[in-house]
Protein backbone atom coordinates (compact mmCIF):
# COMPACT_ATOMS: atom_id res chain seq x y z
CA MET A 1 -16.22 -114.92 141.04
CA THR A 2 -15.11 -116.66 137.83
CA ILE A 3 -14.11 -120.59 138.32
CA ILE A 4 -12.72 -122.74 135.63
CA ASP A 5 -14.87 -125.54 134.13
CA ARG A 6 -12.72 -128.44 133.58
CA ASN A 7 -14.77 -129.19 130.34
CA HIS A 8 -14.52 -125.73 129.28
CA THR A 9 -13.66 -125.36 125.65
CA GLN A 10 -11.73 -122.30 125.58
CA ASP A 11 -7.92 -121.75 126.30
CA THR A 12 -8.19 -122.79 129.81
CA THR A 13 -8.35 -126.33 128.11
CA VAL A 14 -4.53 -126.36 127.79
CA LEU A 15 -4.17 -126.52 131.93
CA ASP A 16 -4.19 -129.83 133.37
CA GLY A 17 -6.54 -130.96 135.89
CA GLN A 18 -4.40 -130.32 138.81
CA SER A 19 -3.54 -126.78 137.97
CA ILE A 20 -7.34 -126.29 137.18
CA ASP A 21 -8.35 -127.56 140.95
CA ILE A 22 -5.33 -125.36 142.59
CA ILE A 23 -6.74 -122.59 140.66
CA ASN A 24 -10.14 -123.22 141.91
CA ASN A 25 -9.55 -123.65 145.11
CA ALA A 26 -6.90 -120.23 145.59
CA VAL A 27 -9.78 -118.25 144.08
CA LEU A 28 -12.40 -119.09 146.52
CA GLY A 29 -9.86 -118.89 149.39
CA ASN A 30 -10.03 -122.40 150.20
CA THR A 31 -7.01 -124.93 151.31
CA PRO A 32 -6.56 -127.35 148.24
CA LEU A 33 -7.06 -131.06 148.70
CA VAL A 34 -4.06 -131.73 146.18
CA THR A 35 -0.51 -133.41 146.60
CA TYR A 36 2.23 -130.49 145.63
CA LYS A 37 4.95 -131.17 143.64
CA THR A 38 8.68 -130.93 145.05
CA SER A 39 9.68 -127.26 144.37
CA PRO A 40 12.35 -126.65 141.83
CA TRP A 41 13.99 -123.58 143.10
CA ASP A 42 17.04 -123.96 145.44
CA ILE A 43 17.51 -121.20 147.84
CA ASP A 44 21.12 -121.43 147.99
CA LYS A 45 21.26 -120.75 144.54
CA LEU A 46 18.75 -118.00 144.49
CA GLU A 47 20.91 -116.52 147.14
CA GLN A 48 23.63 -117.25 145.29
CA TYR A 49 22.17 -115.24 141.91
CA ALA A 50 20.91 -112.44 144.28
CA GLU A 51 22.88 -109.62 142.96
CA ILE A 52 21.76 -111.10 139.40
CA ASN A 53 18.07 -111.60 140.39
CA LEU A 54 17.17 -108.83 142.64
CA ALA A 55 15.60 -106.24 140.48
CA PRO A 56 16.77 -102.50 140.24
CA GLU A 57 13.45 -101.28 140.52
CA ILE A 58 13.08 -102.29 144.13
CA ALA A 59 16.14 -100.23 145.00
CA GLU A 60 14.81 -97.27 142.75
CA THR A 61 11.99 -97.22 143.40
CA ASP A 62 11.58 -94.16 146.99
CA GLY A 63 9.89 -95.55 150.33
CA ILE A 64 10.71 -99.29 149.32
CA SER A 65 12.22 -101.63 152.16
CA PHE A 66 13.08 -105.24 152.59
CA GLY A 67 10.80 -106.88 154.99
CA GLU A 68 13.70 -109.91 154.58
CA ASP A 69 16.84 -109.98 153.32
CA GLY A 70 17.72 -111.29 150.12
CA PRO A 71 15.46 -113.86 148.29
CA GLN A 72 12.60 -115.45 150.50
CA LEU A 73 10.39 -119.29 149.29
CA VAL A 74 7.27 -118.36 150.31
CA SER A 75 4.55 -120.71 150.65
CA ARG A 76 1.77 -119.65 148.84
CA ASP A 77 -0.63 -120.36 151.43
CA ASP A 78 0.57 -117.41 153.12
CA ILE A 79 -0.13 -115.27 150.29
CA VAL A 80 -3.97 -113.61 149.27
CA PRO A 81 -5.36 -115.19 146.88
CA VAL A 82 -4.78 -113.64 143.10
CA ASN A 83 -8.48 -112.85 142.45
CA TRP A 84 -9.44 -111.67 145.60
CA GLY A 85 -8.98 -108.35 144.41
CA GLU A 86 -5.92 -107.65 146.86
CA THR A 87 -3.27 -107.73 144.50
CA GLU A 88 -1.25 -104.60 143.29
CA GLN A 89 -3.04 -104.94 139.52
CA VAL A 90 -1.19 -102.87 137.26
CA ARG A 91 -3.09 -103.60 134.29
CA VAL A 92 -6.26 -101.93 132.80
CA GLY A 93 -8.47 -104.24 132.10
CA ILE A 94 -6.92 -107.32 132.38
CA ALA A 95 -8.00 -110.31 133.87
CA LEU A 96 -6.01 -113.66 134.29
CA ASP A 97 -5.10 -114.95 130.66
CA TYR A 98 -5.13 -118.74 131.28
CA LEU A 99 -3.63 -119.56 127.87
CA TYR A 100 -0.88 -117.46 128.77
CA ILE A 101 -0.41 -119.00 132.19
CA ALA A 102 -0.40 -122.07 130.53
CA ARG A 103 2.72 -120.46 128.26
CA LEU A 104 4.59 -119.76 131.59
CA LYS A 105 3.74 -122.82 132.92
CA ASP A 106 5.44 -124.76 130.77
CA ASP A 107 8.74 -122.49 130.11
CA ILE A 108 9.41 -122.79 134.00
CA GLY A 109 8.54 -126.58 133.82
CA ARG A 110 11.42 -126.80 131.35
CA ALA A 111 13.91 -124.72 133.07
CA TRP A 112 14.47 -122.19 135.98
CA GLY A 113 16.50 -119.79 135.40
CA TYR A 114 18.31 -118.51 138.36
CA SER A 115 19.39 -115.49 136.86
CA THR A 116 15.60 -114.02 136.31
CA LYS A 117 14.61 -111.26 138.02
CA LEU A 118 12.62 -112.27 140.79
CA PRO A 119 8.96 -111.09 141.74
CA VAL A 120 7.62 -108.93 144.62
CA VAL A 121 5.51 -109.72 147.53
CA GLU A 122 4.10 -107.00 149.99
CA LYS A 123 4.44 -107.98 153.97
CA LEU A 124 1.14 -106.99 154.91
CA LYS A 125 0.93 -104.30 157.98
CA LYS A 126 -1.91 -106.25 158.95
CA PRO A 127 -2.45 -109.98 158.27
CA ILE A 128 -5.95 -110.63 156.24
CA LYS A 129 -7.91 -113.73 157.41
CA LYS A 130 -8.42 -116.73 155.50
CA THR A 131 -12.55 -117.08 154.70
CA LYS A 132 -11.87 -120.79 155.32
CA GLY A 133 -9.60 -122.97 156.90
CA LYS A 134 -7.45 -121.17 159.59
CA GLY A 135 -4.54 -118.72 160.13
CA TYR A 136 -4.11 -115.26 158.10
CA TYR A 137 -2.31 -114.30 154.86
CA HIS A 138 0.96 -112.19 155.38
CA TYR A 139 1.73 -111.54 151.91
CA ARG A 140 -0.08 -110.12 148.75
CA ILE A 141 1.40 -110.02 145.12
CA VAL A 142 3.05 -106.97 143.82
CA ASP A 143 3.75 -108.07 140.57
CA ALA A 144 3.86 -111.94 138.78
CA ARG A 145 0.14 -112.62 139.24
CA HIS A 146 0.66 -115.02 135.76
CA ARG A 147 4.00 -116.69 136.93
CA PHE A 148 2.31 -117.04 140.59
CA GLU A 149 -0.85 -119.22 138.97
CA ALA A 150 1.58 -120.86 136.23
CA THR A 151 3.08 -122.61 139.41
CA MET A 152 0.16 -123.54 141.35
CA GLU A 153 1.26 -126.69 141.40
CA TYR A 154 4.12 -126.22 143.87
CA LYS A 155 3.81 -125.46 147.38
CA ASP A 156 6.51 -122.09 147.11
CA PHE A 157 7.96 -119.87 145.08
CA PRO A 158 10.50 -117.52 145.14
CA TRP A 159 10.03 -113.84 146.10
CA TYR A 160 11.53 -110.90 147.41
CA ILE A 161 9.84 -109.25 150.02
CA GLY A 162 9.22 -105.28 150.52
CA GLU A 163 7.54 -102.68 152.41
CA GLY A 164 6.42 -99.67 152.17
CA HIS A 165 3.70 -96.90 151.67
CA GLU A 166 0.68 -98.38 149.44
CA ALA A 167 1.80 -95.38 147.07
CA ASP A 168 5.00 -96.85 147.13
CA ILE A 169 4.14 -100.33 146.43
CA GLY A 170 1.62 -99.72 143.79
CA LEU A 171 4.15 -97.63 141.87
CA LEU A 172 6.98 -100.62 142.30
CA GLY A 173 4.04 -102.82 140.88
CA THR A 174 3.97 -100.97 137.44
CA LYS A 175 7.53 -100.45 137.45
CA LEU A 176 8.45 -104.16 137.60
CA ASN A 177 6.04 -104.79 134.54
CA ASN A 178 8.50 -102.94 132.61
CA PRO A 179 9.23 -104.96 129.21
CA SER A 180 11.81 -107.46 129.44
CA THR A 181 13.59 -109.92 126.74
CA THR A 182 14.29 -112.24 129.82
CA ASP A 183 11.72 -111.59 132.69
CA LYS A 184 8.51 -113.59 132.26
CA LYS A 185 6.43 -110.26 131.71
CA ARG A 186 3.76 -108.48 129.48
CA GLU A 187 4.70 -105.15 128.12
CA LEU A 188 3.05 -102.24 129.94
CA THR A 189 0.40 -100.07 127.30
CA ASP A 190 -0.15 -96.40 127.39
CA ASP A 191 -3.36 -97.18 129.70
CA ASP A 192 -1.62 -98.82 132.29
CA VAL A 193 0.81 -96.08 132.98
CA GLN A 194 -1.82 -93.83 132.81
CA SER A 195 -3.79 -95.43 135.34
CA GLN A 196 -0.72 -95.67 137.82
CA ILE A 197 0.12 -91.66 136.97
CA GLN A 198 -3.39 -90.92 137.73
CA LYS A 199 -3.19 -93.31 141.10
CA GLN A 200 0.40 -91.28 142.02
CA VAL A 201 -1.23 -87.99 141.84
CA LYS A 202 -4.52 -89.23 143.80
CA TRP A 203 -1.59 -89.93 146.29
CA TYR A 204 0.08 -86.80 146.23
CA GLU A 205 -3.18 -85.07 147.18
CA LYS A 206 -4.44 -87.64 149.95
CA THR A 207 -0.26 -86.99 151.63
CA ALA A 208 -0.50 -83.54 151.61
CA GLY A 209 2.46 -83.89 148.82
CA GLU A 210 4.96 -86.60 150.98
CA LYS A 211 3.94 -89.34 148.42
CA GLY A 212 2.57 -89.31 144.76
CA CYS A 213 3.41 -86.66 141.58
CA LYS A 214 2.50 -83.29 141.62
CA PRO A 215 -0.36 -82.46 139.36
CA THR A 216 1.38 -80.46 137.17
CA VAL A 217 2.33 -81.33 133.38
CA ASP A 218 6.39 -80.84 133.90
CA ASN A 219 6.62 -82.75 137.27
CA VAL A 220 4.60 -85.64 134.88
CA VAL A 221 6.62 -85.59 132.39
CA ASP A 222 9.45 -85.98 134.72
CA PHE A 223 7.55 -88.45 136.21
CA LEU A 224 7.45 -90.45 133.11
CA LYS A 225 10.97 -90.10 132.22
CA GLU A 226 12.47 -91.31 135.95
CA HIS A 227 9.97 -94.20 136.55
CA PHE A 228 8.84 -95.21 133.01
CA PRO A 229 11.91 -94.70 130.01
CA TYR A 230 10.77 -97.84 128.07
CA THR A 231 7.45 -97.56 128.18
CA LYS A 232 6.36 -93.70 128.18
CA PRO A 233 4.62 -92.48 125.37
CA LEU A 234 6.78 -90.46 122.75
CA ASP A 235 5.14 -87.38 123.23
CA THR A 236 5.71 -87.39 126.99
CA LYS A 237 3.81 -83.35 127.45
CA ARG A 238 0.84 -84.11 125.52
CA PHE A 239 0.45 -87.82 127.42
CA ALA A 240 0.68 -85.88 130.94
CA ILE A 241 -1.79 -83.56 130.01
CA LYS A 242 -4.13 -86.73 128.95
CA CYS A 243 -3.50 -87.64 132.63
CA LEU A 244 -4.22 -84.68 134.58
CA GLU A 245 -7.25 -84.56 131.89
CA ALA A 246 -8.68 -88.07 133.26
CA GLU A 247 -8.66 -86.99 137.01
CA GLY A 248 -10.28 -83.62 135.99
CA ILE A 249 -7.42 -81.31 135.94
CA LYS A 250 -7.54 -78.74 133.30
CA GLN A 251 -4.29 -77.32 131.76
CA ALA A 252 -3.90 -73.28 131.61
CA LEU A 253 -3.95 -74.25 127.98
CA GLU A 254 -6.03 -76.90 126.27
CA ASP A 255 -5.03 -79.02 123.72
CA PRO A 256 -7.45 -80.72 121.61
CA ASN A 257 -7.45 -83.15 118.82
CA ALA A 258 -9.14 -82.85 115.38
CA ALA A 259 -12.08 -84.66 116.93
CA GLN A 260 -12.48 -82.49 119.71
CA ILE A 261 -12.50 -79.29 117.63
CA SER A 262 -15.17 -81.00 115.68
CA MET A 263 -17.10 -81.47 118.62
CA VAL A 264 -16.90 -78.18 120.24
CA ILE A 265 -17.74 -76.53 116.51
CA LYS A 266 -20.92 -78.53 116.38
CA GLN A 267 -21.93 -78.07 119.61
CA TYR A 268 -21.09 -74.44 120.50
CA HIS A 269 -20.51 -73.25 116.68
CA PRO A 270 -23.82 -74.68 114.76
CA THR A 271 -23.76 -72.73 112.05
CA ARG A 272 -19.79 -73.46 111.42
CA THR A 273 -18.38 -77.13 110.47
CA THR A 274 -14.78 -78.61 109.90
CA GLY A 275 -13.74 -81.39 107.40
CA GLY A 276 -13.76 -79.65 104.39
CA ASN A 277 -18.33 -79.56 104.78
CA VAL A 278 -20.11 -77.02 103.75
CA ASP A 279 -21.91 -75.23 106.92
CA SER A 280 -25.27 -73.62 106.86
CA LYS A 281 -24.29 -70.34 105.19
CA ASP A 282 -23.34 -72.21 102.47
CA ARG A 283 -19.25 -71.60 103.79
CA VAL A 284 -16.43 -74.43 103.81
CA GLY A 285 -14.56 -74.99 106.80
CA HIS A 286 -11.43 -77.09 107.49
CA ILE A 287 -9.19 -77.31 110.60
CA ILE A 288 -5.64 -75.98 110.77
CA ARG A 289 -3.29 -76.81 113.58
CA PHE A 290 -0.44 -74.32 113.87
CA GLY A 291 2.83 -75.32 115.35
CA ARG A 292 4.40 -77.97 113.31
CA THR A 293 5.03 -77.42 109.79
CA ILE A 294 4.12 -80.87 108.52
CA ASP A 295 0.40 -80.05 110.09
CA GLU A 296 0.30 -76.47 108.56
CA LEU A 297 0.99 -77.60 105.10
CA SER A 298 -1.50 -80.41 105.01
CA ALA A 299 -3.95 -78.02 106.18
CA HIS A 300 -2.86 -75.98 103.41
CA TYR A 301 -3.02 -78.52 101.23
CA ALA A 302 -6.82 -79.29 101.66
CA MET A 303 -7.93 -75.81 101.83
CA GLY A 304 -6.08 -75.56 98.25
CA LYS A 305 -7.41 -78.47 97.21
CA SER A 306 -11.06 -77.77 98.22
CA GLN A 307 -10.88 -74.28 96.37
CA ILE A 308 -9.66 -75.73 93.16
CA GLU A 309 -12.28 -78.28 92.38
CA GLU A 310 -14.99 -75.58 93.63
CA TRP A 311 -13.26 -73.30 90.51
CA TYR A 312 -13.07 -75.92 88.16
CA LEU A 313 -16.55 -77.89 88.81
CA HIS A 314 -18.44 -74.35 89.84
CA GLY A 315 -16.51 -71.49 87.98
CA LYS A 316 -16.51 -69.51 91.24
CA VAL A 317 -15.26 -70.58 94.91
CA ARG A 318 -17.47 -70.38 98.54
CA ASP A 319 -16.09 -69.02 101.32
CA HIS A 320 -13.99 -71.01 103.00
CA TYR A 321 -12.11 -70.73 106.63
CA PHE A 322 -10.09 -72.54 108.83
CA ILE A 323 -11.15 -73.29 112.74
CA GLY A 324 -7.39 -73.06 114.36
CA VAL A 325 -5.78 -74.18 117.49
CA MET A 326 -2.18 -73.74 118.53
CA SER A 327 -0.65 -77.00 118.85
CA GLN A 328 1.48 -77.87 121.93
CA GLY A 329 4.24 -81.23 122.84
CA ALA A 330 7.26 -82.37 120.88
CA GLY A 331 8.00 -80.61 117.91
CA VAL A 332 6.02 -77.00 118.11
CA SER A 333 8.49 -73.94 118.47
CA PRO A 334 7.54 -71.74 119.59
CA ALA A 335 5.55 -73.48 122.34
CA PRO A 336 2.57 -71.64 123.25
CA THR A 337 1.53 -70.22 126.52
CA THR A 338 -0.84 -68.32 128.14
CA GLN A 339 0.81 -65.12 127.91
CA ASN A 340 2.02 -65.29 124.07
CA LEU A 341 -1.00 -67.28 122.67
CA ASP A 342 -2.61 -64.06 121.51
CA THR A 343 0.26 -62.79 119.58
CA LEU A 344 0.81 -66.61 117.99
CA ARG A 345 -2.84 -66.37 116.69
CA LYS A 346 -2.63 -63.22 115.39
CA ASN A 347 1.17 -64.26 113.67
CA ASN A 348 -0.81 -66.89 111.66
CA GLU A 349 -3.88 -65.56 110.66
CA GLY A 350 -3.10 -65.01 106.45
CA SER A 351 -1.20 -68.31 106.68
CA PHE A 352 -2.75 -70.09 103.80
CA MET A 353 -2.53 -66.56 101.06
CA LYS A 354 1.11 -66.61 102.69
CA HIS A 355 1.53 -70.20 101.85
CA VAL A 356 0.30 -69.19 98.40
CA ARG A 357 2.37 -66.34 97.75
CA GLU A 358 5.70 -67.75 98.91
CA TYR A 359 5.65 -71.33 97.41
CA CYS A 360 2.68 -71.93 95.11
CA ILE A 361 3.12 -68.53 93.22
CA PRO A 362 6.76 -68.91 92.37
CA LEU A 363 5.89 -72.51 91.40
CA ALA A 364 3.83 -71.29 88.93
CA ASP A 365 5.87 -69.26 87.67
CA MET A 366 8.90 -71.65 87.14
CA PHE A 367 6.09 -74.04 85.64
CA SER A 368 5.09 -71.34 82.93
CA ASP A 369 8.96 -70.70 82.49
CA GLU A 370 9.59 -74.72 82.43
CA ALA A 371 12.48 -73.95 85.00
CA ILE A 372 10.75 -76.76 87.18
CA LYS A 373 13.16 -79.07 87.22
CA SER A 374 11.50 -82.86 87.75
CA PRO A 375 12.96 -85.06 90.75
CA GLU A 376 14.45 -87.87 90.15
CA VAL A 377 13.16 -90.72 92.53
CA LYS A 378 14.57 -93.50 93.81
CA PHE A 379 13.61 -96.35 96.31
CA VAL A 380 15.88 -97.94 99.00
CA ALA A 381 15.53 -101.88 98.95
CA GLN A 382 12.51 -103.33 100.83
CA ASN A 383 11.69 -106.30 98.93
CA ASN A 384 13.36 -109.47 100.16
CA GLY A 385 11.25 -111.79 98.55
CA LYS A 386 12.46 -110.33 95.20
CA GLY A 387 16.19 -110.21 96.80
CA GLU A 388 16.61 -106.74 96.38
CA SER A 389 19.97 -105.40 98.15
CA PRO A 390 20.69 -102.66 100.30
CA ASP A 391 23.63 -101.68 98.34
CA LYS A 392 21.08 -101.04 95.67
CA LEU A 393 18.93 -98.42 94.94
CA TYR A 394 15.55 -99.48 93.03
């Protein structure tokens, strides 16, 4: 358990002494020996702005209901301390950031916007007994741990009170942390989203499909589009595969990246190699990913460059080969399946020589006949330091 040292010289020094005392007492579950400031929020105004400060994610998440109508001022003595591990932690690998808390403390102290979306606490089905002092905790934080810690000098904090199955509460907590320019929140990372997907896959198994996300690529993709429209990765299919593989769920078709391909070759096919290296049989190996034109052209370029260099340096060319894989995900056409994979592999045999015949030789012939036109190159404006204008090309 981490306690803040008043004399600590790192980021926590931006917090004042009273805030440090309050946070330490909250971490320990003690009754704070301080006098709270008068709360700056007006419950009547909170209710007046209820249609604005109610996060839409609450109503959009199935299985969530309100424990109380409208926004509520909840005493922090009734809320499980953040560092007890009972709060809904949606971010991967992040403990409390006290420098961020200090910035929030300053922002909230200067102005409180009643239109700001309010966070959520969960009403516990079974209250948790306090370790010291009398009584029980009746709520736990679903989101806004940093905002809660930044306002420790006040007796209470405004929340919406939610109830629901643990799977739904967990999903809500992650959705409430989508990026926002007005709410005091930190953006989700891919790791944060992946962590929630993995939890929802587990809940699907635990509840026999009543909750969570069914562990198939298509279902995970749909889940991402529905619940994380702003934070989902660009290639949702590859990301879905990654999430499922992290849960030990193998797909009908693997989609290894270059590093994984090289590892497989090194471990299981030691007489071959990748990366333009020379193997134990004096051959040169390269990786090629079929399915996206840019990937194929890049591999063909590397193969051609390798052979040209050998020809000019040694007067002969060693045997070369590709280690290939059919790509999956966005931009791949046709998409590989277990049924068409063998056909796609066969269709791509000899792709390099086809590239030479259809592109390289015609270009060489045109070059010999002086028919190739050297393309003019113009650049769009980008140097603001020299006053370049977008209505001109450079």
